[in-house]
Amino acid sequence: MKTGLNILSEEQTYPAEPESSYGWSKLMGEYEAELAQKTGNINVGLPRLHNVYGPGASFDPRTSQVIQSLIRKAILYPGEPFVVWGTGDQYRDFIYIDDVIDALILVLSEG
């Protein structure tokens, strides 16, 4: 079943280069779902949700993700220079929880 949504290929979004068995298991799950869709068994929509932030996000340093850590750093140490560590080669996309909900509702309504 075709929808009005444009489907991007892997290369158009970002290369699949999982760095852990966890990442590989997610990628393999996506490929399995894609194969099931090609055989006509199911209609698939696979959101890749990561770095979601908004109300209810944990700011606990033991469990929080990237954006929560950055927000916590800015709030707790407002007088210090805001330095983000890393090589500069990495990038992170952030998405607000309300946008996630809107997108999921749209996907369901288009299916």
PDB file of N, CA and C in Angstrom:
ATOM      1  N   MET A   1       0.846  -1.177   0.000  1.00  0.00           N
ATOM      2  CA  MET A   1       0.000   0.000   0.000  1.00  0.00           C
ATOM      3  C   MET A   1       0.888   1.235   0.000  1.00  0.00           C
ATOM      4  N   LYS A   2       0.685   2.108  -0.962  1.00  0.00           N
ATOM      5  CA  LYS A   2       1.452   3.347  -1.030  1.00  0.00           C
ATOM      6  C   LYS A   2       0.760   4.425  -0.225  1.00  0.00           C
ATOM      7  N   THR A   3       1.561   5.306   0.338  1.00  0.00           N
ATOM      8  CA  THR A   3       1.004   6.440   1.069  1.00  0.00           C
ATOM      9  C   THR A   3       1.475   7.719   0.419  1.00  0.00           C
ATOM     10  N   GLY A   4       0.987   8.836   0.911  1.00  0.00           N
ATOM     11  CA  GLY A   4       1.411  10.127   0.401  1.00  0.00           C
ATOM     12  C   GLY A   4       2.762  10.554   0.945  1.00  0.00           C
ATOM     13  N   LEU A   5       3.346   9.751   1.836  1.00  0.00           N
ATOM     14  CA  LEU A   5       4.625  10.116   2.439  1.00  0.00           C
ATOM     15  C   LEU A   5       5.770   9.768   1.504  1.00  0.00           C
ATOM     16  N   ASN A   6       6.787  10.601   1.467  1.00  0.00           N
ATOM     17  CA  ASN A   6       7.993  10.303   0.707  1.00  0.00           C
ATOM     18  C   ASN A   6       8.892   9.439   1.575  1.00  0.00           C
ATOM     19  N   ILE A   7       9.355   8.338   1.025  1.00  0.00           N
ATOM     20  CA  ILE A   7      10.216   7.441   1.770  1.00  0.00           C
ATOM     21  C   ILE A   7      11.659   7.733   1.369  1.00  0.00           C
ATOM     22  N   LEU A   8      12.486   8.050   2.341  1.00  0.00           N
ATOM     23  CA  LEU A   8      13.891   8.347   2.075  1.00  0.00           C
ATOM     24  C   LEU A   8      14.711   7.076   2.178  1.00  0.00           C
ATOM     25  N   SER A   9      15.660   6.926   1.295  1.00  0.00           N
ATOM     26  CA  SER A   9      16.555   5.778   1.397  1.00  0.00           C
ATOM     27  C   SER A   9      17.555   6.024   2.523  1.00  0.00           C
ATOM     28  N   GLU A  10      18.188   4.969   2.959  1.00  0.00           N
ATOM     29  CA  GLU A  10      19.160   5.039   4.051  1.00  0.00           C
ATOM     30  C   GLU A  10      20.212   6.106   3.779  1.00  0.00           C
ATOM     31  N   GLU A  11      20.714   6.150   2.538  1.00  0.00           N
ATOM     32  CA  GLU A  11      21.781   7.078   2.202  1.00  0.00           C
ATOM     33  C   GLU A  11      21.321   8.533   2.272  1.00  0.00           C
ATOM     34  N   GLN A  12      20.037   8.788   2.048  1.00  0.00           N
ATOM     35  CA  GLN A  12      19.552  10.156   2.074  1.00  0.00           C
ATOM     36  C   GLN A  12      19.424  10.696   3.492  1.00  0.00           C
ATOM     37  N   THR A  13      19.254   9.821   4.456  1.00  0.00           N
ATOM     38  CA  THR A  13      19.096  10.293   5.826  1.00  0.00           C
ATOM     39  C   THR A  13      20.429  10.304   6.543  1.00  0.00           C
ATOM     40  N   TYR A  14      21.046   9.177   6.653  1.00  0.00           N
ATOM     41  CA  TYR A  14      22.386   9.061   7.210  1.00  0.00           C
ATOM     42  C   TYR A  14      22.870   7.643   6.978  1.00  0.00           C
ATOM     43  N   PRO A  15      24.176   7.441   6.899  1.00  0.00           N
ATOM     44  CA  PRO A  15      24.665   6.091   6.629  1.00  0.00           C
ATOM     45  C   PRO A  15      24.424   5.168   7.820  1.00  0.00           C
ATOM     46  N   ALA A  16      24.145   3.923   7.523  1.00  0.00           N
ATOM     47  CA  ALA A  16      23.962   2.927   8.584  1.00  0.00           C
ATOM     48  C   ALA A  16      25.340   2.423   9.000  1.00  0.00           C
ATOM     49  N   GLU A  17      25.831   2.941  10.076  1.00  0.00           N
ATOM     50  CA  GLU A  17      27.128   2.519  10.591  1.00  0.00           C
ATOM     51  C   GLU A  17      27.012   2.263  12.088  1.00  0.00           C
ATOM     52  N   PRO A  18      26.209   1.252  12.477  1.00  0.00           N
ATOM     53  CA  PRO A  18      26.067   0.986  13.906  1.00  0.00           C
ATOM     54  C   PRO A  18      27.427   0.657  14.527  1.00  0.00           C
ATOM     55  N   GLU A  19      27.635   1.153  15.716  1.00  0.00           N
ATOM     56  CA  GLU A  19      28.910   0.944  16.396  1.00  0.00           C
ATOM     57  C   GLU A  19      28.795  -0.057  17.533  1.00  0.00           C
ATOM     58  N   SER A  20      27.632  -0.710  17.664  1.00  0.00           N
ATOM     59  CA  SER A  20      27.451  -1.673  18.739  1.00  0.00           C
ATOM     60  C   SER A  20      26.467  -2.741  18.306  1.00  0.00           C
ATOM     61  N   SER A  21      26.410  -3.826  19.067  1.00  0.00           N
ATOM     62  CA  SER A  21      25.438  -4.870  18.763  1.00  0.00           C
ATOM     63  C   SER A  21      24.022  -4.341  18.934  1.00  0.00           C
ATOM     64  N   TYR A  22      23.824  -3.394  19.839  1.00  0.00           N
ATOM     65  CA  TYR A  22      22.513  -2.770  20.022  1.00  0.00           C
ATOM     66  C   TYR A  22      22.096  -2.047  18.740  1.00  0.00           C
ATOM     67  N   GLY A  23      23.015  -1.271  18.157  1.00  0.00           N
ATOM     68  CA  GLY A  23      22.726  -0.565  16.916  1.00  0.00           C
ATOM     69  C   GLY A  23      22.454  -1.526  15.773  1.00  0.00           C
ATOM     70  N   TRP A  24      23.236  -2.601  15.695  1.00  0.00           N
ATOM     71  CA  TRP A  24      23.024  -3.586  14.632  1.00  0.00           C
ATOM     72  C   TRP A  24      21.680  -4.277  14.787  1.00  0.00           C
ATOM     73  N   SER A  25      21.267  -4.559  16.021  1.00  0.00           N
ATOM     74  CA  SER A  25      19.985  -5.234  16.226  1.00  0.00           C
ATOM     75  C   SER A  25      18.832  -4.330  15.784  1.00  0.00           C
ATOM     76  N   LYS A  26      18.952  -3.032  16.038  1.00  0.00           N
ATOM     77  CA  LYS A  26      17.915  -2.100  15.579  1.00  0.00           C
ATOM     78  C   LYS A  26      17.861  -2.062  14.060  1.00  0.00           C
ATOM     79  N   LEU A  27      19.017  -2.001  13.424  1.00  0.00           N
ATOM     80  CA  LEU A  27      19.071  -1.956  11.966  1.00  0.00           C
ATOM     81  C   LEU A  27      18.502  -3.235  11.364  1.00  0.00           C
ATOM     82  N   MET A  28      18.835  -4.370  11.926  1.00  0.00           N
ATOM     83  CA  MET A  28      18.316  -5.638  11.407  1.00  0.00           C
ATOM     84  C   MET A  28      16.798  -5.728  11.584  1.00  0.00           C
ATOM     85  N   GLY A  29      16.273  -5.180  12.677  1.00  0.00           N
ATOM     86  CA  GLY A  29      14.830  -5.131  12.874  1.00  0.00           C
ATOM     87  C   GLY A  29      14.153  -4.302  11.798  1.00  0.00           C
ATOM     88  N   GLU A  30      14.777  -3.193  11.416  1.00  0.00           N
ATOM     89  CA  GLU A  30      14.232  -2.363  10.346  1.00  0.00           C
ATOM     90  C   GLU A  30      14.222  -3.114   9.021  1.00  0.00           C
ATOM     91  N   TYR A  31      15.300  -3.825   8.732  1.00  0.00           N
ATOM     92  CA  TYR A  31      15.351  -4.577   7.479  1.00  0.00           C
ATOM     93  C   TYR A  31      14.316  -5.700   7.465  1.00  0.00           C
ATOM     94  N   GLU A  32      14.120  -6.365   8.590  1.00  0.00           N
ATOM     95  CA  GLU A  32      13.100  -7.420   8.677  1.00  0.00           C
ATOM     96  C   GLU A  32      11.712  -6.841   8.420  1.00  0.00           C
ATOM     97  N   ALA A  33      11.423  -5.691   9.000  1.00  0.00           N
ATOM     98  CA  ALA A  33      10.127  -5.045   8.790  1.00  0.00           C
ATOM     99  C   ALA A  33       9.966  -4.649   7.330  1.00  0.00           C
ATOM    100  N   GLU A  34      11.030  -4.142   6.716  1.00  0.00           N
ATOM    101  CA  GLU A  34      10.976  -3.767   5.304  1.00  0.00           C
ATOM    102  C   GLU A  34      10.701  -4.988   4.425  1.00  0.00           C
ATOM    103  N   LEU A  35      11.319  -6.117   4.741  1.00  0.00           N
ATOM    104  CA  LEU A  35      11.068  -7.349   3.979  1.00  0.00           C
ATOM    105  C   LEU A  35       9.615  -7.790   4.120  1.00  0.00           C
ATOM    106  N   ALA A  36       9.073  -7.694   5.328  1.00  0.00           N
ATOM    107  CA  ALA A  36       7.667  -8.058   5.547  1.00  0.00           C
ATOM    108  C   ALA A  36       6.744  -7.154   4.743  1.00  0.00           C
ATOM    109  N   GLN A  37       7.091  -5.880   4.649  1.00  0.00           N
ATOM    110  CA  GLN A  37       6.274  -4.949   3.863  1.00  0.00           C
ATOM    111  C   GLN A  37       6.337  -5.311   2.385  1.00  0.00           C
ATOM    112  N   LYS A  38       7.527  -5.663   1.897  1.00  0.00           N
ATOM    113  CA  LYS A  38       7.679  -6.003   0.477  1.00  0.00           C
ATOM    114  C   LYS A  38       6.870  -7.234   0.093  1.00  0.00           C
ATOM    115  N   THR A  39       6.656  -8.140   1.018  1.00  0.00           N
ATOM    116  CA  THR A  39       5.857  -9.333   0.729  1.00  0.00           C
ATOM    117  C   THR A  39       4.369  -9.058   0.862  1.00  0.00           C
ATOM    118  N   GLY A  40       4.017  -7.843   1.288  1.00  0.00           N
ATOM    119  CA  GLY A  40       2.621  -7.463   1.379  1.00  0.00           C
ATOM    120  C   GLY A  40       1.948  -7.843   2.683  1.00  0.00           C
ATOM    121  N   ASN A  41       2.718  -8.299   3.651  1.00  0.00           N
ATOM    122  CA  ASN A  41       2.131  -8.717   4.924  1.00  0.00           C
ATOM    123  C   ASN A  41       1.727  -7.558   5.826  1.00  0.00           C
ATOM    124  N   ILE A  42       2.508  -6.488   5.808  1.00  0.00           N
ATOM    125  CA  ILE A  42       2.224  -5.354   6.693  1.00  0.00           C
ATOM    126  C   ILE A  42       2.620  -4.048   6.026  1.00  0.00           C
ATOM    127  N   ASN A  43       2.057  -2.969   6.506  1.00  0.00           N
ATOM    128  CA  ASN A  43       2.447  -1.629   6.078  1.00  0.00           C
ATOM    129  C   ASN A  43       3.346  -1.078   7.186  1.00  0.00           C
ATOM    130  N   VAL A  44       4.547  -0.686   6.848  1.00  0.00           N
ATOM    131  CA  VAL A  44       5.551  -0.343   7.853  1.00  0.00           C
ATOM    132  C   VAL A  44       5.854   1.159   7.871  1.00  0.00           C
ATOM    133  N   GLY A  45       5.981   1.689   9.053  1.00  0.00           N
ATOM    134  CA  GLY A  45       6.503   3.025   9.284  1.00  0.00           C
ATOM    135  C   GLY A  45       7.442   2.928  10.466  1.00  0.00           C
ATOM    136  N   LEU A  46       8.703   3.273  10.274  1.00  0.00           N
ATOM    137  CA  LEU A  46       9.708   3.104  11.327  1.00  0.00           C
ATOM    138  C   LEU A  46      10.326   4.437  11.726  1.00  0.00           C
ATOM    139  N   PRO A  47       9.787   5.073  12.741  1.00  0.00           N
ATOM    140  CA  PRO A  47      10.437   6.313  13.204  1.00  0.00           C
ATOM    141  C   PRO A  47      11.725   5.985  13.950  1.00  0.00           C
ATOM    142  N   ARG A  48      12.750   6.756  13.721  1.00  0.00           N
ATOM    143  CA  ARG A  48      14.019   6.592  14.434  1.00  0.00           C
ATOM    144  C   ARG A  48      14.092   7.694  15.480  1.00  0.00           C
ATOM    145  N   LEU A  49      13.518   7.415  16.617  1.00  0.00           N
ATOM    146  CA  LEU A  49      13.432   8.428  17.670  1.00  0.00           C
ATOM    147  C   LEU A  49      14.664   8.372  18.567  1.00  0.00           C
ATOM    148  N   HIS A  50      15.307   9.500  18.680  1.00  0.00           N
ATOM    149  CA  HIS A  50      16.439   9.623  19.590  1.00  0.00           C
ATOM    150  C   HIS A  50      16.578  11.094  19.960  1.00  0.00           C
ATOM    151  N   ASN A  51      17.142  11.333  21.093  1.00  0.00           N
ATOM    152  CA  ASN A  51      17.326  12.697  21.582  1.00  0.00           C
ATOM    153  C   ASN A  51      16.018  13.476  21.597  1.00  0.00           C
ATOM    154  N   VAL A  52      14.965  12.805  22.079  1.00  0.00           N
ATOM    155  CA  VAL A  52      13.667  13.455  22.255  1.00  0.00           C
ATOM    156  C   VAL A  52      13.699  14.192  23.587  1.00  0.00           C
ATOM    157  N   TYR A  53      13.206  15.421  23.596  1.00  0.00           N
ATOM    158  CA  TYR A  53      13.196  16.178  24.843  1.00  0.00           C
ATOM    159  C   TYR A  53      11.852  16.868  25.025  1.00  0.00           C
ATOM    160  N   GLY A  54      11.597  17.271  26.248  1.00  0.00           N
ATOM    161  CA  GLY A  54      10.359  17.979  26.567  1.00  0.00           C
ATOM    162  C   GLY A  54       9.899  17.616  27.961  1.00  0.00           C
ATOM    163  N   PRO A  55       8.667  17.987  28.302  1.00  0.00           N
ATOM    164  CA  PRO A  55       8.151  17.691  29.638  1.00  0.00           C
ATOM    165  C   PRO A  55       8.255  16.196  29.944  1.00  0.00           C
ATOM    166  N   GLY A  56       8.681  15.896  31.145  1.00  0.00           N
ATOM    167  CA  GLY A  56       8.835  14.500  31.556  1.00  0.00           C
ATOM    168  C   GLY A  56      10.220  13.937  31.313  1.00  0.00           C
ATOM    169  N   ALA A  57      11.089  14.707  30.650  1.00  0.00           N
ATOM    170  CA  ALA A  57      12.446  14.231  30.396  1.00  0.00           C
ATOM    171  C   ALA A  57      13.217  14.140  31.710  1.00  0.00           C
ATOM    172  N   SER A  58      14.018  13.118  31.817  1.00  0.00           N
ATOM    173  CA  SER A  58      14.816  12.926  33.019  1.00  0.00           C
ATOM    174  C   SER A  58      16.079  13.779  32.960  1.00  0.00           C
ATOM    175  N   PHE A  59      16.331  14.503  34.035  1.00  0.00           N
ATOM    176  CA  PHE A  59      17.571  15.275  34.131  1.00  0.00           C
ATOM    177  C   PHE A  59      18.544  14.616  35.101  1.00  0.00           C
ATOM    178  N   ASP A  60      18.247  13.380  35.470  1.00  0.00           N
ATOM    179  CA  ASP A  60      19.122  12.608  36.353  1.00  0.00           C
ATOM    180  C   ASP A  60      20.403  12.294  35.577  1.00  0.00           C
ATOM    181  N   PRO A  61      21.568  12.676  36.097  1.00  0.00           N
ATOM    182  CA  PRO A  61      22.809  12.469  35.346  1.00  0.00           C
ATOM    183  C   PRO A  61      23.122  10.998  35.076  1.00  0.00           C
ATOM    184  N   ARG A  62      22.514  10.087  35.827  1.00  0.00           N
ATOM    185  CA  ARG A  62      22.770   8.660  35.602  1.00  0.00           C
ATOM    186  C   ARG A  62      21.980   8.096  34.432  1.00  0.00           C
ATOM    187  N   THR A  63      20.890   8.764  34.051  1.00  0.00           N
ATOM    188  CA  THR A  63      20.022   8.196  33.010  1.00  0.00           C
ATOM    189  C   THR A  63      19.710   9.158  31.869  1.00  0.00           C
ATOM    190  N   SER A  64      20.037  10.432  31.984  1.00  0.00           N
ATOM    191  CA  SER A  64      19.624  11.393  30.962  1.00  0.00           C
ATOM    192  C   SER A  64      20.444  11.237  29.689  1.00  0.00           C
ATOM    193  N   GLN A  65      19.865  11.730  28.602  1.00  0.00           N
ATOM    194  CA  GLN A  65      20.505  11.669  27.297  1.00  0.00           C
ATOM    195  C   GLN A  65      21.212  12.992  27.005  1.00  0.00           C
ATOM    196  N   VAL A  66      21.672  13.158  25.789  1.00  0.00           N
ATOM    197  CA  VAL A  66      22.515  14.288  25.407  1.00  0.00           C
ATOM    198  C   VAL A  66      21.870  15.634  25.710  1.00  0.00           C
ATOM    199  N   ILE A  67      20.675  15.876  25.180  1.00  0.00           N
ATOM    200  CA  ILE A  67      20.099  17.207  25.338  1.00  0.00           C
ATOM    201  C   ILE A  67      19.784  17.522  26.792  1.00  0.00           C
ATOM    202  N   GLN A  68      19.300  16.536  27.550  1.00  0.00           N
ATOM    203  CA  GLN A  68      19.046  16.771  28.970  1.00  0.00           C
ATOM    204  C   GLN A  68      20.341  17.105  29.705  1.00  0.00           C
ATOM    205  N   SER A  69      21.407  16.446  29.336  1.00  0.00           N
ATOM    206  CA  SER A  69      22.705  16.731  29.959  1.00  0.00           C
ATOM    207  C   SER A  69      23.158  18.153  29.657  1.00  0.00           C
ATOM    208  N   LEU A  70      22.953  18.601  28.425  1.00  0.00           N
ATOM    209  CA  LEU A  70      23.342  19.959  28.054  1.00  0.00           C
ATOM    210  C   LEU A  70      22.475  20.999  28.772  1.00  0.00           C
ATOM    211  N   ILE A  71      21.176  20.737  28.870  1.00  0.00           N
ATOM    212  CA  ILE A  71      20.288  21.658  29.585  1.00  0.00           C
ATOM    213  C   ILE A  71      20.684  21.730  31.052  1.00  0.00           C
ATOM    214  N   ARG A  72      20.923  20.577  31.674  1.00  0.00           N
ATOM    215  CA  ARG A  72      21.321  20.533  33.075  1.00  0.00           C
ATOM    216  C   ARG A  72      22.617  21.315  33.285  1.00  0.00           C
ATOM    217  N   LYS A  73      23.559  21.154  32.380  1.00  0.00           N
ATOM    218  CA  LYS A  73      24.846  21.857  32.469  1.00  0.00           C
ATOM    219  C   LYS A  73      24.635  23.371  32.413  1.00  0.00           C
ATOM    220  N   ALA A  74      23.783  23.823  31.504  1.00  0.00           N
ATOM    221  CA  ALA A  74      23.527  25.261  31.356  1.00  0.00           C
ATOM    222  C   ALA A  74      22.820  25.834  32.573  1.00  0.00           C
ATOM    223  N   ILE A  75      21.901  25.069  33.168  1.00  0.00           N
ATOM    224  CA  ILE A  75      21.148  25.551  34.333  1.00  0.00           C
ATOM    225  C   ILE A  75      22.006  25.551  35.597  1.00  0.00           C
ATOM    226  N   LEU A  76      22.747  24.492  35.808  1.00  0.00           N
ATOM    227  CA  LEU A  76      23.527  24.366  37.046  1.00  0.00           C
ATOM    228  C   LEU A  76      24.768  25.243  37.075  1.00  0.00           C
ATOM    229  N   TYR A  77      25.317  25.546  35.928  1.00  0.00           N
ATOM    230  CA  TYR A  77      26.570  26.301  35.874  1.00  0.00           C
ATOM    231  C   TYR A  77      26.454  27.471  34.896  1.00  0.00           C
ATOM    232  N   PRO A  78      25.528  28.408  35.155  1.00  0.00           N
ATOM    233  CA  PRO A  78      25.284  29.495  34.190  1.00  0.00           C
ATOM    234  C   PRO A  78      26.465  30.438  33.995  1.00  0.00           C
ATOM    235  N   GLY A  79      27.339  30.566  34.982  1.00  0.00           N
ATOM    236  CA  GLY A  79      28.468  31.484  34.863  1.00  0.00           C
ATOM    237  C   GLY A  79      29.676  30.890  34.176  1.00  0.00           C
ATOM    238  N   GLU A  80      29.663  29.590  33.942  1.00  0.00           N
ATOM    239  CA  GLU A  80      30.818  28.940  33.316  1.00  0.00           C
ATOM    240  C   GLU A  80      30.664  28.924  31.796  1.00  0.00           C
ATOM    241  N   PRO A  81      31.793  28.918  31.087  1.00  0.00           N
ATOM    242  CA  PRO A  81      31.711  28.802  29.626  1.00  0.00           C
ATOM    243  C   PRO A  81      31.001  27.506  29.252  1.00  0.00           C
ATOM    244  N   PHE A  82      30.190  27.567  28.226  1.00  0.00           N
ATOM    245  CA  PHE A  82      29.443  26.393  27.800  1.00  0.00           C
ATOM    246  C   PHE A  82      30.268  25.636  26.770  1.00  0.00           C
ATOM    247  N   VAL A  83      30.960  24.617  27.234  1.00  0.00           N
ATOM    248  CA  VAL A  83      31.827  23.825  26.371  1.00  0.00           C
ATOM    249  C   VAL A  83      31.183  22.467  26.157  1.00  0.00           C
ATOM    250  N   VAL A  84      31.073  22.072  24.907  1.00  0.00           N
ATOM    251  CA  VAL A  84      30.572  20.744  24.563  1.00  0.00           C
ATOM    252  C   VAL A  84      31.773  19.923  24.117  1.00  0.00           C
ATOM    253  N   TRP A  85      32.017  18.825  24.809  1.00  0.00           N
ATOM    254  CA  TRP A  85      33.173  17.997  24.512  1.00  0.00           C
ATOM    255  C   TRP A  85      32.920  17.136  23.283  1.00  0.00           C
ATOM    256  N   GLY A  86      33.982  16.758  22.612  1.00  0.00           N
ATOM    257  CA  GLY A  86      33.880  15.859  21.466  1.00  0.00           C
ATOM    258  C   GLY A  86      34.876  16.242  20.402  1.00  0.00           C
ATOM    259  N   THR A  87      34.872  15.484  19.337  1.00  0.00           N
ATOM    260  CA  THR A  87      35.823  15.700  18.242  1.00  0.00           C
ATOM    261  C   THR A  87      35.345  16.764  17.269  1.00  0.00           C
ATOM    262  N   GLY A  88      34.050  17.043  17.286  1.00  0.00           N
ATOM    263  CA  GLY A  88      33.478  17.954  16.309  1.00  0.00           C
ATOM    264  C   GLY A  88      32.974  17.233  15.082  1.00  0.00           C
ATOM    265  N   ASP A  89      33.267  15.928  14.980  1.00  0.00           N
ATOM    266  CA  ASP A  89      32.808  15.130  13.842  1.00  0.00           C
ATOM    267  C   ASP A  89      31.390  14.608  14.044  1.00  0.00           C
ATOM    268  N   GLN A  90      30.944  14.557  15.287  1.00  0.00           N
ATOM    269  CA  GLN A  90      29.623  14.018  15.577  1.00  0.00           C
ATOM    270  C   GLN A  90      28.566  15.093  15.407  1.00  0.00           C
ATOM    271  N   TYR A  91      27.365  14.664  15.157  1.00  0.00           N
ATOM    272  CA  TYR A  91      26.245  15.587  15.135  1.00  0.00           C
ATOM    273  C   TYR A  91      25.065  14.915  15.821  1.00  0.00           C
ATOM    274  N   ARG A  92      24.189  15.713  16.341  1.00  0.00           N
ATOM    275  CA  ARG A  92      23.008  15.208  17.034  1.00  0.00           C
ATOM    276  C   ARG A  92      21.796  15.985  16.553  1.00  0.00           C
ATOM    277  N   ASP A  93      20.768  15.267  16.204  1.00  0.00           N
ATOM    278  CA  ASP A  93      19.491  15.889  15.910  1.00  0.00           C
ATOM    279  C   ASP A  93      18.639  15.776  17.162  1.00  0.00           C
ATOM    280  N   PHE A  94      17.947  16.834  17.504  1.00  0.00           N
ATOM    281  CA  PHE A  94      17.063  16.838  18.661  1.00  0.00           C
ATOM    282  C   PHE A  94      15.645  17.052  18.180  1.00  0.00           C
ATOM    283  N   ILE A  95      14.696  16.450  18.873  1.00  0.00           N
ATOM    284  CA  ILE A  95      13.299  16.615  18.489  1.00  0.00           C
ATOM    285  C   ILE A  95      12.441  16.771  19.739  1.00  0.00           C
ATOM    286  N   TYR A  96      11.552  17.724  19.700  1.00  0.00           N
ATOM    287  CA  TYR A  96      10.669  18.010  20.821  1.00  0.00           C
ATOM    288  C   TYR A  96       9.526  17.000  20.834  1.00  0.00           C
ATOM    289  N   ILE A  97       9.129  16.568  22.008  1.00  0.00           N
ATOM    290  CA  ILE A  97       8.138  15.507  22.153  1.00  0.00           C
ATOM    291  C   ILE A  97       6.830  15.816  21.422  1.00  0.00           C
ATOM    292  N   ASP A  98       6.378  17.062  21.421  1.00  0.00           N
ATOM    293  CA  ASP A  98       5.137  17.403  20.710  1.00  0.00           C
ATOM    294  C   ASP A  98       5.272  17.151  19.204  1.00  0.00           C
ATOM    295  N   ASP A  99       6.476  17.383  18.660  1.00  0.00           N
ATOM    296  CA  ASP A  99       6.705  17.116  17.237  1.00  0.00           C
ATOM    297  C   ASP A  99       6.684  15.616  16.954  1.00  0.00           C
ATOM    298  N   VAL A 100       7.191  14.816  17.896  1.00  0.00           N
ATOM    299  CA  VAL A 100       7.143  13.360  17.754  1.00  0.00           C
ATOM    300  C   VAL A 100       5.690  12.898  17.702  1.00  0.00           C
ATOM    301  N   ILE A 101       4.878  13.392  18.623  1.00  0.00           N
ATOM    302  CA  ILE A 101       3.468  13.002  18.672  1.00  0.00           C
ATOM    303  C   ILE A 101       2.755  13.395  17.384  1.00  0.00           C
ATOM    304  N   ASP A 102       2.980  14.621  16.910  1.00  0.00           N
ATOM    305  CA  ASP A 102       2.363  15.068  15.661  1.00  0.00           C
ATOM    306  C   ASP A 102       2.770  14.161  14.490  1.00  0.00           C
ATOM    307  N   ALA A 103       4.040  13.798  14.431  1.00  0.00           N
ATOM    308  CA  ALA A 103       4.532  12.951  13.340  1.00  0.00           C
ATOM    309  C   ALA A 103       3.920  11.553  13.406  1.00  0.00           C
ATOM    310  N   LEU A 104       3.825  10.977  14.602  1.00  0.00           N
ATOM    311  CA  LEU A 104       3.245   9.646  14.735  1.00  0.00           C
ATOM    312  C   LEU A 104       1.764   9.643  14.339  1.00  0.00           C
ATOM    313  N   ILE A 105       1.051  10.679  14.727  1.00  0.00           N
ATOM    314  CA  ILE A 105      -0.362  10.790  14.343  1.00  0.00           C
ATOM    315  C   ILE A 105      -0.482  10.920  12.821  1.00  0.00           C
ATOM    316  N   LEU A 106       0.400  11.706  12.203  1.00  0.00           N
ATOM    317  CA  LEU A 106       0.384  11.863  10.752  1.00  0.00           C
ATOM    318  C   LEU A 106       0.658  10.531  10.051  1.00  0.00           C
ATOM    319  N   VAL A 107       1.648   9.797  10.527  1.00  0.00           N
ATOM    320  CA  VAL A 107       1.970   8.494   9.935  1.00  0.00           C
ATOM    321  C   VAL A 107       0.767   7.562  10.020  1.00  0.00           C
ATOM    322  N   LEU A 108       0.122   7.526  11.164  1.00  0.00           N
ATOM    323  CA  LEU A 108      -1.048   6.656  11.323  1.00  0.00           C
ATOM    324  C   LEU A 108      -2.199   7.083  10.419  1.00  0.00           C
ATOM    325  N   SER A 109      -2.388   8.378  10.248  1.00  0.00           N
ATOM    326  CA  SER A 109      -3.490   8.856   9.423  1.00  0.00           C
ATOM    327  C   SER A 109      -3.223   8.653   7.932  1.00  0.00           C
ATOM    328  N   GLU A 110      -1.938   8.602   7.532  1.00  0.00           N
ATOM    329  CA  GLU A 110      -1.586   8.412   6.125  1.00  0.00           C
ATOM    330  C   GLU A 110      -1.621   6.936   5.728  1.00  0.00           C
ATOM    331  N   GLY A 111      -1.485   6.030   6.715  1.00  0.00           N
ATOM    332  CA  GLY A 111      -1.410   4.596   6.428  1.00  0.00           C
ATOM    333  C   GLY A 111      -2.703   4.053   5.987  1.00  0.00           C
TER     334      GLY A 111
END
